[in-house]
């Protein structure tokens, strides 16, 4: 089996479980799969979640933390963050997961005035121009969709 070097996880649903699955997949790719490059990409149907404060509203229930932690040796439910904003920051800062959105979608949805405008989106999410979006898609040797 070929080793994954560059994984792209496209999330295009605002459903909390799709969001949870996205970040759990990224965590497993980094920790179990040792995938060097993992990118979470917010697609146009969930671009609203890139707005400052929106991911913090998606809390991780204690029961879910216990269920997840119970499947990983050495992981305690208290080690897990309380919401997806905290999870995203941890994954970006500690695991090196890239988190991006389509800058064009940010403008269309009114979150930005220009493609490079980050004033209304989370500081850990990088808005990409369309050629960069294509590079991410074309460069991935494994792509997951949520």
Protein backbone atom coordinates (compact mmCIF):
# COMPACT_ATOMS: atom_id res chain seq x y z
CA UNK A 1 0.00 0.00 0.00
CA UNK A 2 1.31 3.45 -0.93
CA UNK A 3 2.12 5.88 1.86
CA UNK A 4 -0.03 9.01 1.83
CA UNK A 5 2.13 12.12 1.65
CA UNK A 6 -0.44 14.84 0.99
CA UNK A 7 -4.03 14.52 2.25
CA UNK A 8 -6.78 16.97 1.44
CA UNK A 9 -9.94 16.86 3.56
CA UNK A 10 -12.78 18.83 2.00
CA UNK A 11 -15.60 19.70 4.35
CA UNK A 12 -18.69 21.00 2.64
CA UNK A 13 -21.34 20.51 5.31
CA UNK A 14 -22.29 22.62 8.31
CA UNK A 15 -23.49 19.53 10.18
CA UNK A 16 -21.57 19.19 13.45
CA UNK A 17 -20.76 15.51 12.86
CA UNK A 18 -19.18 16.35 9.50
CA UNK A 19 -17.09 18.96 11.27
CA UNK A 20 -16.11 16.50 14.02
CA UNK A 21 -15.22 13.85 11.42
CA UNK A 22 -13.07 16.32 9.49
CA UNK A 23 -10.92 17.17 12.49
CA UNK A 24 -10.81 13.58 13.71
CA UNK A 25 -9.61 12.43 10.27
CA UNK A 26 -6.89 15.09 10.30
CA UNK A 27 -5.82 14.04 13.80
CA UNK A 28 -5.64 10.37 12.79
CA UNK A 29 -3.79 11.17 9.56
CA UNK A 30 -1.11 13.02 11.52
CA UNK A 31 -0.89 10.69 14.54
CA UNK A 32 -1.64 7.24 13.13
CA UNK A 33 -0.79 7.67 9.46
CA UNK A 34 2.19 9.99 9.88
CA UNK A 35 0.95 11.93 6.85
CA UNK A 36 3.38 14.83 6.36
CA UNK A 37 0.93 17.27 4.76
CA UNK A 38 -2.72 17.45 5.82
CA UNK A 39 -5.02 20.24 4.67
CA UNK A 40 -8.60 20.90 5.78
CA UNK A 41 -10.46 22.90 3.15
CA UNK A 42 -13.77 24.62 3.83
CA UNK A 43 -15.93 24.31 0.72
CA UNK A 44 -18.60 26.76 -0.43
CA UNK A 45 -21.51 25.09 1.40
CA UNK A 46 -19.90 25.62 4.81
CA UNK A 47 -17.92 28.81 4.26
CA UNK A 48 -20.08 30.44 6.95
CA UNK A 49 -18.19 28.40 9.56
CA UNK A 50 -14.97 30.26 8.74
CA UNK A 51 -16.44 33.44 10.25
CA UNK A 52 -14.85 34.42 13.55
CA UNK A 53 -16.52 32.67 16.46
CA UNK A 54 -18.58 30.15 14.48
CA UNK A 55 -16.40 27.09 15.13
CA UNK A 56 -16.35 27.93 18.84
CA UNK A 57 -20.13 27.45 18.84
CA UNK A 58 -19.69 23.80 17.88
CA UNK A 59 -18.98 22.22 21.22
CA UNK A 60 -17.62 18.74 21.73
CA UNK A 61 -19.91 16.91 24.18
CA UNK A 62 -18.27 15.12 27.11
CA UNK A 63 -19.76 11.80 25.96
CA UNK A 64 -18.09 12.22 22.57
CA UNK A 65 -14.77 13.09 24.19
CA UNK A 66 -14.95 9.92 26.29
CA UNK A 67 -15.88 7.80 23.29
CA UNK A 68 -13.02 9.18 21.18
CA UNK A 69 -10.38 9.13 23.93
CA UNK A 70 -11.28 5.53 24.81
CA UNK A 71 -10.09 4.44 21.37
CA UNK A 72 -6.60 5.95 21.58
CA UNK A 73 -3.98 4.65 23.97
CA UNK A 74 -2.70 7.39 26.26
CA UNK A 75 -5.45 9.87 25.41
CA UNK A 76 -7.80 11.12 28.09
CA UNK A 77 -11.11 12.87 27.48
CA UNK A 78 -9.73 15.81 29.47
CA UNK A 79 -6.99 16.15 26.82
CA UNK A 80 -9.59 17.01 24.19
CA UNK A 81 -10.73 20.59 23.55
CA UNK A 82 -14.20 21.88 24.35
CA UNK A 83 -15.04 23.16 20.87
CA UNK A 84 -13.90 23.05 17.25
CA UNK A 85 -12.14 26.39 17.31
CA UNK A 86 -9.83 25.06 20.03
CA UNK A 87 -9.43 21.81 18.06
CA UNK A 88 -8.54 23.71 14.88
CA UNK A 89 -5.98 25.88 16.67
CA UNK A 90 -4.38 22.82 18.28
CA UNK A 91 -4.20 20.96 14.99
CA UNK A 92 -2.74 23.91 13.13
CA UNK A 93 -0.25 24.94 15.81
CA UNK A 94 0.76 21.56 17.25
CA UNK A 95 0.25 19.12 14.38
CA UNK A 96 0.90 21.37 11.40
CA UNK A 97 -2.49 20.84 9.77
CA UNK A 98 -3.21 23.55 7.20
CA UNK A 99 -6.73 25.00 7.30
CA UNK A 100 -7.99 26.91 4.28
CA UNK A 101 -11.07 28.27 2.59
CA UNK A 102 -11.90 29.52 -0.87
CA UNK A 103 -11.33 33.28 -0.87
CA UNK A 104 -13.82 33.62 -3.72
CA UNK A 105 -16.53 31.98 -1.60
CA UNK A 106 -15.63 34.27 1.30
CA UNK A 107 -16.36 37.29 -0.92
CA UNK A 108 -19.55 35.82 -2.42
CA UNK A 109 -20.90 35.03 1.06
CA UNK A 110 -20.08 38.54 2.31
CA UNK A 111 -17.39 37.49 4.79
CA UNK A 112 -14.73 39.42 2.89
CA UNK A 113 -14.50 42.44 0.61
CA UNK A 114 -11.58 40.97 -1.36
CA UNK A 115 -10.10 37.51 -1.68
CA UNK A 116 -7.23 38.41 0.66
CA UNK A 117 -9.49 40.05 3.28
CA UNK A 118 -9.26 38.09 6.54
CA UNK A 119 -10.90 40.62 8.84
CA UNK A 120 -14.03 38.52 9.40
CA UNK A 121 -12.64 34.99 9.22
CA UNK A 122 -10.71 33.03 11.81
CA UNK A 123 -7.02 33.94 11.89
CA UNK A 124 -5.99 30.29 11.49
CA UNK A 125 -7.88 29.88 8.19
CA UNK A 126 -6.05 30.90 5.03
CA UNK A 127 -8.21 32.13 2.13
CA UNK A 128 -6.99 30.64 -1.15
CA UNK A 129 -7.27 32.04 -4.64
CA UNK A 130 -8.72 29.72 -7.27
CA UNK A 131 -5.32 28.62 -8.70
CA UNK A 132 -4.23 27.73 -5.15
CA UNK A 133 -7.43 25.73 -4.65
CA UNK A 134 -6.63 23.78 -7.79
CA UNK A 135 -3.04 23.18 -6.64
CA UNK A 136 -4.37 21.73 -3.37
CA UNK A 137 -6.78 19.45 -5.23
CA UNK A 138 -4.28 18.39 -7.88
CA UNK A 139 -1.43 17.88 -5.42
CA UNK A 140 -3.28 15.64 -3.00
CA UNK A 141 -2.62 11.94 -3.24
CA UNK A 142 -5.63 11.24 -1.00
CA UNK A 143 -8.80 13.31 -0.79
CA UNK A 144 -11.61 12.86 1.73
CA UNK A 145 -15.00 14.56 1.51
CA UNK A 146 -17.29 15.51 4.38
